[in-house]
Amino acid sequence: MACLSSSRFAHLFTEQVGLPFRRYMLWRKLTRAMLAIAREPTIAAAAHASDFSDAAHLTRTFYQMFGIPPSVMMRGQFFEIAAPFSAAE
């Protein structure tokens, strides 16, 4: 990590990007899940394709982030995606 301690990296990342590294990585994982939801036949397949442990984990995380279950997106009821978690959370 370019000779940075993990705490210093976390601080600089949050300062530069505007949200903590773990939340950023979760946002990236959820964007992969959204793409998988659009092309996979089931939520379970989408969860597997986007590295979630199972469909329940994807559904829970998706709902926490967007306030709707991924099945709404799978049915083709697209919506505007909110910005990722704020850095204050």
PDB file of N, CA and C in Angstrom:
ATOM      1  N   MET A   1       0.816  -1.190   0.000  1.00  0.00           N
ATOM      2  CA  MET A   1       0.000   0.000   0.000  1.00  0.00           C
ATOM      3  C   MET A   1       0.859   1.254   0.000  1.00  0.00           C
ATOM      4  N   ALA A   2       1.890   1.272  -0.745  1.00  0.00           N
ATOM      5  CA  ALA A   2       2.728   2.460  -0.907  1.00  0.00           C
ATOM      6  C   ALA A   2       3.248   2.995   0.420  1.00  0.00           C
ATOM      7  N   CYS A   3       3.660   2.100   1.310  1.00  0.00           N
ATOM      8  CA  CYS A   3       4.256   2.483   2.598  1.00  0.00           C
ATOM      9  C   CYS A   3       3.334   3.312   3.476  1.00  0.00           C
ATOM     10  N   LEU A   4       2.047   3.048   3.427  1.00  0.00           N
ATOM     11  CA  LEU A   4       1.085   3.726   4.293  1.00  0.00           C
ATOM     12  C   LEU A   4       0.523   2.720   5.277  1.00  0.00           C
ATOM     13  N   SER A   5       0.305   3.162   6.485  1.00  0.00           N
ATOM     14  CA  SER A   5      -0.392   2.292   7.428  1.00  0.00           C
ATOM     15  C   SER A   5      -1.846   2.178   6.979  1.00  0.00           C
ATOM     16  N   SER A   6      -2.519   1.149   7.418  1.00  0.00           N
ATOM     17  CA  SER A   6      -3.917   0.978   7.008  1.00  0.00           C
ATOM     18  C   SER A   6      -4.786   2.137   7.493  1.00  0.00           C
ATOM     19  N   SER A   7      -4.508   2.650   8.686  1.00  0.00           N
ATOM     20  CA  SER A   7      -5.314   3.773   9.189  1.00  0.00           C
ATOM     21  C   SER A   7      -5.043   5.049   8.392  1.00  0.00           C
ATOM     22  N   ARG A   8      -3.790   5.261   7.981  1.00  0.00           N
ATOM     23  CA  ARG A   8      -3.472   6.451   7.178  1.00  0.00           C
ATOM     24  C   ARG A   8      -4.094   6.337   5.791  1.00  0.00           C
ATOM     25  N   PHE A   9      -4.023   5.147   5.210  1.00  0.00           N
ATOM     26  CA  PHE A   9      -4.667   4.923   3.917  1.00  0.00           C
ATOM     27  C   PHE A   9      -6.160   5.215   4.014  1.00  0.00           C
ATOM     28  N   ALA A  10      -6.810   4.685   5.055  1.00  0.00           N
ATOM     29  CA  ALA A  10      -8.244   4.895   5.231  1.00  0.00           C
ATOM     30  C   ALA A  10      -8.569   6.377   5.353  1.00  0.00           C
ATOM     31  N   HIS A  11      -7.770   7.094   6.102  1.00  0.00           N
ATOM     32  CA  HIS A  11      -7.994   8.529   6.280  1.00  0.00           C
ATOM     33  C   HIS A  11      -7.839   9.273   4.952  1.00  0.00           C
ATOM     34  N   LEU A  12      -6.762   9.001   4.233  1.00  0.00           N
ATOM     35  CA  LEU A  12      -6.533   9.678   2.956  1.00  0.00           C
ATOM     36  C   LEU A  12      -7.588   9.315   1.917  1.00  0.00           C
ATOM     37  N   PHE A  13      -7.978   8.058   1.895  1.00  0.00           N
ATOM     38  CA  PHE A  13      -9.006   7.623   0.942  1.00  0.00           C
ATOM     39  C   PHE A  13     -10.305   8.372   1.203  1.00  0.00           C
ATOM     40  N   THR A  14     -10.728   8.421   2.455  1.00  0.00           N
ATOM     41  CA  THR A  14     -11.965   9.119   2.812  1.00  0.00           C
ATOM     42  C   THR A  14     -11.859  10.595   2.457  1.00  0.00           C
ATOM     43  N   GLU A  15     -10.708  11.179   2.725  1.00  0.00           N
ATOM     44  CA  GLU A  15     -10.493  12.590   2.425  1.00  0.00           C
ATOM     45  C   GLU A  15     -10.599  12.866   0.926  1.00  0.00           C
ATOM     46  N   GLN A  16     -10.027  12.004   0.114  1.00  0.00           N
ATOM     47  CA  GLN A  16      -9.989  12.214  -1.334  1.00  0.00           C
ATOM     48  C   GLN A  16     -11.282  11.804  -2.047  1.00  0.00           C
ATOM     49  N   VAL A  17     -11.857  10.703  -1.633  1.00  0.00           N
ATOM     50  CA  VAL A  17     -13.013  10.143  -2.335  1.00  0.00           C
ATOM     51  C   VAL A  17     -14.335  10.629  -1.738  1.00  0.00           C
ATOM     52  N   GLY A  18     -14.325  10.876  -0.448  1.00  0.00           N
ATOM     53  CA  GLY A  18     -15.537  11.379   0.189  1.00  0.00           C
ATOM     54  C   GLY A  18     -16.351  10.333   0.916  1.00  0.00           C
ATOM     55  N   LEU A  19     -15.892   9.092   0.893  1.00  0.00           N
ATOM     56  CA  LEU A  19     -16.541   8.050   1.673  1.00  0.00           C
ATOM     57  C   LEU A  19     -15.490   7.020   2.067  1.00  0.00           C
ATOM     58  N   PRO A  20     -15.752   6.296   3.143  1.00  0.00           N
ATOM     59  CA  PRO A  20     -14.773   5.309   3.613  1.00  0.00           C
ATOM     60  C   PRO A  20     -14.521   4.208   2.573  1.00  0.00           C
ATOM     61  N   PHE A  21     -13.303   3.650   2.626  1.00  0.00           N
ATOM     62  CA  PHE A  21     -12.889   2.632   1.668  1.00  0.00           C
ATOM     63  C   PHE A  21     -13.845   1.438   1.648  1.00  0.00           C
ATOM     64  N   ARG A  22     -14.251   0.938   2.812  1.00  0.00           N
ATOM     65  CA  ARG A  22     -15.149  -0.229   2.849  1.00  0.00           C
ATOM     66  C   ARG A  22     -16.489   0.081   2.195  1.00  0.00           C
ATOM     67  N   ARG A  23     -17.007   1.264   2.419  1.00  0.00           N
ATOM     68  CA  ARG A  23     -18.287   1.634   1.791  1.00  0.00           C
ATOM     69  C   ARG A  23     -18.122   1.804   0.289  1.00  0.00           C
ATOM     70  N   TYR A  24     -16.981   2.333  -0.121  1.00  0.00           N
ATOM     71  CA  TYR A  24     -16.692   2.443  -1.543  1.00  0.00           C
ATOM     72  C   TYR A  24     -16.672   1.055  -2.178  1.00  0.00           C
ATOM     73  N   MET A  25     -16.001   0.110  -1.537  1.00  0.00           N
ATOM     74  CA  MET A  25     -15.934  -1.250  -2.070  1.00  0.00           C
ATOM     75  C   MET A  25     -17.322  -1.897  -2.103  1.00  0.00           C
ATOM     76  N   LEU A  26     -18.139  -1.616  -1.105  1.00  0.00           N
ATOM     77  CA  LEU A  26     -19.510  -2.136  -1.109  1.00  0.00           C
ATOM     78  C   LEU A  26     -20.294  -1.527  -2.269  1.00  0.00           C
ATOM     79  N   TRP A  27     -20.109  -0.238  -2.515  1.00  0.00           N
ATOM     80  CA  TRP A  27     -20.776   0.420  -3.642  1.00  0.00           C
ATOM     81  C   TRP A  27     -20.366  -0.242  -4.958  1.00  0.00           C
ATOM     82  N   ARG A  28     -19.080  -0.523  -5.121  1.00  0.00           N
ATOM     83  CA  ARG A  28     -18.604  -1.196  -6.331  1.00  0.00           C
ATOM     84  C   ARG A  28     -19.241  -2.579  -6.468  1.00  0.00           C
ATOM     85  N   LYS A  29     -19.321  -3.304  -5.366  1.00  0.00           N
ATOM     86  CA  LYS A  29     -19.916  -4.641  -5.372  1.00  0.00           C
ATOM     87  C   LYS A  29     -21.398  -4.560  -5.761  1.00  0.00           C
ATOM     88  N   LEU A  30     -22.088  -3.550  -5.249  1.00  0.00           N
ATOM     89  CA  LEU A  30     -23.498  -3.383  -5.595  1.00  0.00           C
ATOM     90  C   LEU A  30     -23.690  -2.972  -7.047  1.00  0.00           C
ATOM     91  N   THR A  31     -22.779  -2.211  -7.604  1.00  0.00           N
ATOM     92  CA  THR A  31     -22.907  -1.877  -9.030  1.00  0.00           C
ATOM     93  C   THR A  31     -22.714  -3.131  -9.883  1.00  0.00           C
ATOM     94  N   ARG A  32     -21.790  -4.009  -9.464  1.00  0.00           N
ATOM     95  CA  ARG A  32     -21.653  -5.303 -10.161  1.00  0.00           C
ATOM     96  C   ARG A  32     -22.928  -6.122 -10.015  1.00  0.00           C
ATOM     97  N   ALA A  33     -23.535  -6.061  -8.832  1.00  0.00           N
ATOM     98  CA  ALA A  33     -24.778  -6.803  -8.601  1.00  0.00           C
ATOM     99  C   ALA A  33     -25.897  -6.272  -9.492  1.00  0.00           C
ATOM    100  N   MET A  34     -25.969  -4.959  -9.667  1.00  0.00           N
ATOM    101  CA  MET A  34     -27.011  -4.394 -10.535  1.00  0.00           C
ATOM    102  C   MET A  34     -26.853  -4.884 -11.967  1.00  0.00           C
ATOM    103  N   LEU A  35     -25.633  -4.946 -12.441  1.00  0.00           N
ATOM    104  CA  LEU A  35     -25.402  -5.476 -13.789  1.00  0.00           C
ATOM    105  C   LEU A  35     -25.786  -6.952 -13.862  1.00  0.00           C
ATOM    106  N   ALA A  36     -25.446  -7.704 -12.813  1.00  0.00           N
ATOM    107  CA  ALA A  36     -25.781  -9.132 -12.782  1.00  0.00           C
ATOM    108  C   ALA A  36     -27.292  -9.341 -12.705  1.00  0.00           C
ATOM    109  N   ILE A  37     -27.984  -8.489 -11.954  1.00  0.00           N
ATOM    110  CA  ILE A  37     -29.446  -8.594 -11.844  1.00  0.00           C
ATOM    111  C   ILE A  37     -30.079  -8.422 -13.222  1.00  0.00           C
ATOM    112  N   ALA A  38     -29.506  -7.550 -14.028  1.00  0.00           N
ATOM    113  CA  ALA A  38     -30.055  -7.296 -15.361  1.00  0.00           C
ATOM    114  C   ALA A  38     -29.856  -8.481 -16.309  1.00  0.00           C
ATOM    115  N   ARG A  39     -28.833  -9.304 -16.067  1.00  0.00           N
ATOM    116  CA  ARG A  39     -28.557 -10.378 -17.036  1.00  0.00           C
ATOM    117  C   ARG A  39     -28.773 -11.792 -16.502  1.00  0.00           C
ATOM    118  N   GLU A  40     -28.874 -11.955 -15.199  1.00  0.00           N
ATOM    119  CA  GLU A  40     -29.034 -13.294 -14.624  1.00  0.00           C
ATOM    120  C   GLU A  40     -30.516 -13.627 -14.438  1.00  0.00           C
ATOM    121  N   PRO A  41     -30.873 -14.908 -14.464  1.00  0.00           N
ATOM    122  CA  PRO A  41     -32.286 -15.296 -14.349  1.00  0.00           C
ATOM    123  C   PRO A  41     -32.848 -15.220 -12.929  1.00  0.00           C
ATOM    124  N   THR A  42     -31.983 -15.275 -11.915  1.00  0.00           N
ATOM    125  CA  THR A  42     -32.469 -15.257 -10.536  1.00  0.00           C
ATOM    126  C   THR A  42     -31.594 -14.341  -9.681  1.00  0.00           C
ATOM    127  N   ILE A  43     -32.139 -13.932  -8.532  1.00  0.00           N
ATOM    128  CA  ILE A  43     -31.382 -13.135  -7.571  1.00  0.00           C
ATOM    129  C   ILE A  43     -30.192 -13.955  -7.053  1.00  0.00           C
ATOM    130  N   ALA A  44     -30.403 -15.248  -6.840  1.00  0.00           N
ATOM    131  CA  ALA A  44     -29.312 -16.105  -6.361  1.00  0.00           C
ATOM    132  C   ALA A  44     -28.160 -16.134  -7.359  1.00  0.00           C
ATOM    133  N   ALA A  45     -28.463 -16.235  -8.641  1.00  0.00           N
ATOM    134  CA  ALA A  45     -27.413 -16.231  -9.668  1.00  0.00           C
ATOM    135  C   ALA A  45     -26.711 -14.882  -9.715  1.00  0.00           C
ATOM    136  N   ALA A  46     -27.475 -13.810  -9.566  1.00  0.00           N
ATOM    137  CA  ALA A  46     -26.881 -12.470  -9.546  1.00  0.00           C
ATOM    138  C   ALA A  46     -25.986 -12.300  -8.328  1.00  0.00           C
ATOM    139  N   ALA A  47     -26.420 -12.818  -7.185  1.00  0.00           N
ATOM    140  CA  ALA A  47     -25.608 -12.746  -5.965  1.00  0.00           C
ATOM    141  C   ALA A  47     -24.290 -13.485  -6.167  1.00  0.00           C
ATOM    142  N   HIS A  48     -24.369 -14.670  -6.712  1.00  0.00           N
ATOM    143  CA  HIS A  48     -23.158 -15.457  -6.961  1.00  0.00           C
ATOM    144  C   HIS A  48     -22.221 -14.744  -7.942  1.00  0.00           C
ATOM    145  N   ALA A  49     -22.788 -14.178  -9.006  1.00  0.00           N
ATOM    146  CA  ALA A  49     -21.990 -13.498 -10.024  1.00  0.00           C
ATOM    147  C   ALA A  49     -21.314 -12.232  -9.503  1.00  0.00           C
ATOM    148  N   SER A  50     -21.876 -11.639  -8.452  1.00  0.00           N
ATOM    149  CA  SER A  50     -21.309 -10.388  -7.928  1.00  0.00           C
ATOM    150  C   SER A  50     -20.642 -10.569  -6.573  1.00  0.00           C
ATOM    151  N   ASP A  51     -20.300 -11.810  -6.246  1.00  0.00           N
ATOM    152  CA  ASP A  51     -19.511 -12.143  -5.050  1.00  0.00           C
ATOM    153  C   ASP A  51     -20.222 -11.908  -3.720  1.00  0.00           C
ATOM    154  N   PHE A  52     -21.542 -11.960  -3.703  1.00  0.00           N
ATOM    155  CA  PHE A  52     -22.260 -11.985  -2.426  1.00  0.00           C
ATOM    156  C   PHE A  52     -22.359 -13.442  -1.993  1.00  0.00           C
ATOM    157  N   SER A  53     -22.428 -13.674  -0.698  1.00  0.00           N
ATOM    158  CA  SER A  53     -22.428 -15.050  -0.202  1.00  0.00           C
ATOM    159  C   SER A  53     -23.697 -15.807  -0.600  1.00  0.00           C
ATOM    160  N   ASP A  54     -24.813 -15.097  -0.676  1.00  0.00           N
ATOM    161  CA  ASP A  54     -26.065 -15.732  -1.083  1.00  0.00           C
ATOM    162  C   ASP A  54     -27.088 -14.650  -1.442  1.00  0.00           C
ATOM    163  N   ALA A  55     -28.265 -15.091  -1.894  1.00  0.00           N
ATOM    164  CA  ALA A  55     -29.307 -14.153  -2.305  1.00  0.00           C
ATOM    165  C   ALA A  55     -29.791 -13.298  -1.143  1.00  0.00           C
ATOM    166  N   ALA A  56     -29.861 -13.870   0.043  1.00  0.00           N
ATOM    167  CA  ALA A  56     -30.330 -13.109   1.209  1.00  0.00           C
ATOM    168  C   ALA A  56     -29.371 -11.966   1.527  1.00  0.00           C
ATOM    169  N   HIS A  57     -28.077 -12.224   1.432  1.00  0.00           N
ATOM    170  CA  HIS A  57     -27.087 -11.184   1.694  1.00  0.00           C
ATOM    171  C   HIS A  57     -27.190 -10.061   0.664  1.00  0.00           C
ATOM    172  N   LEU A  58     -27.316 -10.409  -0.599  1.00  0.00           N
ATOM    173  CA  LEU A  58     -27.491  -9.400  -1.647  1.00  0.00           C
ATOM    174  C   LEU A  58     -28.771  -8.603  -1.403  1.00  0.00           C
ATOM    175  N   THR A  59     -29.865  -9.294  -1.148  1.00  0.00           N
ATOM    176  CA  THR A  59     -31.149  -8.617  -0.945  1.00  0.00           C
ATOM    177  C   THR A  59     -31.092  -7.662   0.240  1.00  0.00           C
ATOM    178  N   ARG A  60     -30.531  -8.114   1.337  1.00  0.00           N
ATOM    179  CA  ARG A  60     -30.426  -7.277   2.542  1.00  0.00           C
ATOM    180  C   ARG A  60     -29.561  -6.042   2.281  1.00  0.00           C
ATOM    181  N   THR A  61     -28.416  -6.232   1.658  1.00  0.00           N
ATOM    182  CA  THR A  61     -27.504  -5.123   1.383  1.00  0.00           C
ATOM    183  C   THR A  61     -28.106  -4.154   0.368  1.00  0.00           C
ATOM    184  N   PHE A  62     -28.728  -4.688  -0.674  1.00  0.00           N
ATOM    185  CA  PHE A  62     -29.363  -3.869  -1.708  1.00  0.00           C
ATOM    186  C   PHE A  62     -30.473  -3.024  -1.087  1.00  0.00           C
ATOM    187  N   TYR A  63     -31.277  -3.644  -0.245  1.00  0.00           N
ATOM    188  CA  TYR A  63     -32.376  -2.919   0.403  1.00  0.00           C
ATOM    189  C   TYR A  63     -31.845  -1.827   1.331  1.00  0.00           C
ATOM    190  N   GLN A  64     -30.793  -2.121   2.080  1.00  0.00           N
ATOM    191  CA  GLN A  64     -30.195  -1.116   2.961  1.00  0.00           C
ATOM    192  C   GLN A  64     -29.667   0.074   2.165  1.00  0.00           C
ATOM    193  N   MET A  65     -29.112  -0.182   1.007  1.00  0.00           N
ATOM    194  CA  MET A  65     -28.521   0.888   0.204  1.00  0.00           C
ATOM    195  C   MET A  65     -29.577   1.705  -0.542  1.00  0.00           C
ATOM    196  N   PHE A  66     -30.551   1.022  -1.144  1.00  0.00           N
ATOM    197  CA  PHE A  66     -31.472   1.698  -2.045  1.00  0.00           C
ATOM    198  C   PHE A  66     -32.912   1.798  -1.544  1.00  0.00           C
ATOM    199  N   GLY A  67     -33.251   1.067  -0.506  1.00  0.00           N
ATOM    200  CA  GLY A  67     -34.601   1.137   0.039  1.00  0.00           C
ATOM    201  C   GLY A  67     -35.627   0.304  -0.714  1.00  0.00           C
ATOM    202  N   ILE A  68     -35.186  -0.508  -1.649  1.00  0.00           N
ATOM    203  CA  ILE A  68     -36.067  -1.421  -2.382  1.00  0.00           C
ATOM    204  C   ILE A  68     -35.330  -2.747  -2.559  1.00  0.00           C
ATOM    205  N   PRO A  69     -36.066  -3.838  -2.720  1.00  0.00           N
ATOM    206  CA  PRO A  69     -35.397  -5.122  -2.951  1.00  0.00           C
ATOM    207  C   PRO A  69     -34.908  -5.229  -4.395  1.00  0.00           C
ATOM    208  N   PRO A  70     -33.906  -6.055  -4.647  1.00  0.00           N
ATOM    209  CA  PRO A  70     -33.395  -6.198  -6.016  1.00  0.00           C
ATOM    210  C   PRO A  70     -34.416  -6.798  -6.975  1.00  0.00           C
ATOM    211  N   SER A  71     -35.426  -7.453  -6.454  1.00  0.00           N
ATOM    212  CA  SER A  71     -36.442  -8.033  -7.335  1.00  0.00           C
ATOM    213  C   SER A  71     -37.181  -6.954  -8.123  1.00  0.00           C
ATOM    214  N   VAL A  72     -37.285  -5.752  -7.567  1.00  0.00           N
ATOM    215  CA  VAL A  72     -37.916  -4.641  -8.290  1.00  0.00           C
ATOM    216  C   VAL A  72     -37.107  -4.324  -9.543  1.00  0.00           C
ATOM    217  N   MET A  73     -35.814  -4.306  -9.397  1.00  0.00           N
ATOM    218  CA  MET A  73     -34.939  -4.040 -10.546  1.00  0.00           C
ATOM    219  C   MET A  73     -35.000  -5.195 -11.537  1.00  0.00           C
ATOM    220  N   MET A  74     -35.064  -6.416 -11.018  1.00  0.00           N
ATOM    221  CA  MET A  74     -35.103  -7.585 -11.888  1.00  0.00           C
ATOM    222  C   MET A  74     -36.379  -7.596 -12.737  1.00  0.00           C
ATOM    223  N   ARG A  75     -37.460  -7.067 -12.193  1.00  0.00           N
ATOM    224  CA  ARG A  75     -38.718  -7.002 -12.939  1.00  0.00           C
ATOM    225  C   ARG A  75     -38.700  -5.908 -13.989  1.00  0.00           C
ATOM    226  N   GLY A  76     -37.610  -5.142 -14.053  1.00  0.00           N
ATOM    227  CA  GLY A  76     -37.504  -4.103 -15.070  1.00  0.00           C
ATOM    228  C   GLY A  76     -38.053  -2.771 -14.639  1.00  0.00           C
ATOM    229  N   GLN A  77     -38.334  -2.612 -13.374  1.00  0.00           N
ATOM    230  CA  GLN A  77     -38.835  -1.341 -12.860  1.00  0.00           C
ATOM    231  C   GLN A  77     -37.637  -0.506 -12.431  1.00  0.00           C
ATOM    232  N   PHE A  78     -36.976   0.075 -13.421  1.00  0.00           N
ATOM    233  CA  PHE A  78     -35.745   0.801 -13.149  1.00  0.00           C
ATOM    234  C   PHE A  78     -36.033   2.119 -12.464  1.00  0.00           C
ATOM    235  N   PHE A  79     -35.047   2.622 -11.807  1.00  0.00           N
ATOM    236  CA  PHE A  79     -35.188   3.817 -10.994  1.00  0.00           C
ATOM    237  C   PHE A  79     -33.863   4.548 -10.976  1.00  0.00           C
ATOM    238  N   GLU A  80     -33.881   5.753 -10.489  1.00  0.00           N
ATOM    239  CA  GLU A  80     -32.635   6.505 -10.352  1.00  0.00           C
ATOM    240  C   GLU A  80     -31.898   6.019  -9.123  1.00  0.00           C
ATOM    241  N   ILE A  81     -30.629   5.721  -9.291  1.00  0.00           N
ATOM    242  CA  ILE A  81     -29.811   5.202  -8.197  1.00  0.00           C
ATOM    243  C   ILE A  81     -29.279   6.368  -7.370  1.00  0.00           C
ATOM    244  N   ALA A  82     -29.462   6.279  -6.076  1.00  0.00           N
ATOM    245  CA  ALA A  82     -28.957   7.307  -5.175  1.00  0.00           C
ATOM    246  C   ALA A  82     -27.441   7.240  -5.093  1.00  0.00           C
ATOM    247  N   ALA A  83     -26.856   8.328  -4.638  1.00  0.00           N
ATOM    248  CA  ALA A  83     -25.407   8.367  -4.421  1.00  0.00           C
ATOM    249  C   ALA A  83     -25.033   7.356  -3.350  1.00  0.00           C
ATOM    250  N   PRO A  84     -23.782   6.901  -3.330  1.00  0.00           N
ATOM    251  CA  PRO A  84     -23.375   5.942  -2.302  1.00  0.00           C
ATOM    252  C   PRO A  84     -23.487   6.546  -0.910  1.00  0.00           C
ATOM    253  N   PHE A  85     -23.341   5.689   0.079  1.00  0.00           N
ATOM    254  CA  PHE A  85     -23.416   6.132   1.464  1.00  0.00           C
ATOM    255  C   PHE A  85     -22.637   7.426   1.648  1.00  0.00           C
ATOM    256  N   SER A  86     -23.137   8.304   2.473  1.00  0.00           N
ATOM    257  CA  SER A  86     -22.367   9.519   2.756  1.00  0.00           C
ATOM    258  C   SER A  86     -21.219   9.180   3.692  1.00  0.00           C
ATOM    259  N   ALA A  87     -20.192   9.994   3.667  1.00  0.00           N
ATOM    260  CA  ALA A  87     -19.016   9.762   4.505  1.00  0.00           C
ATOM    261  C   ALA A  87     -19.356   9.917   5.977  1.00  0.00           C
ATOM    262  N   ALA A  88     -20.432  10.620   6.283  1.00  0.00           N
ATOM    263  CA  ALA A  88     -20.798  10.869   7.680  1.00  0.00           C
ATOM    264  C   ALA A  88     -21.376   9.640   8.361  1.00  0.00           C
ATOM    265  N   GLU A  89     -21.865   8.673   7.586  1.00  0.00           N
ATOM    266  CA  GLU A  89     -22.477   7.485   8.200  1.00  0.00           C
ATOM    267  C   GLU A  89     -21.462   6.613   8.863  1.00  0.00           C
TER     268      GLU A  89
END
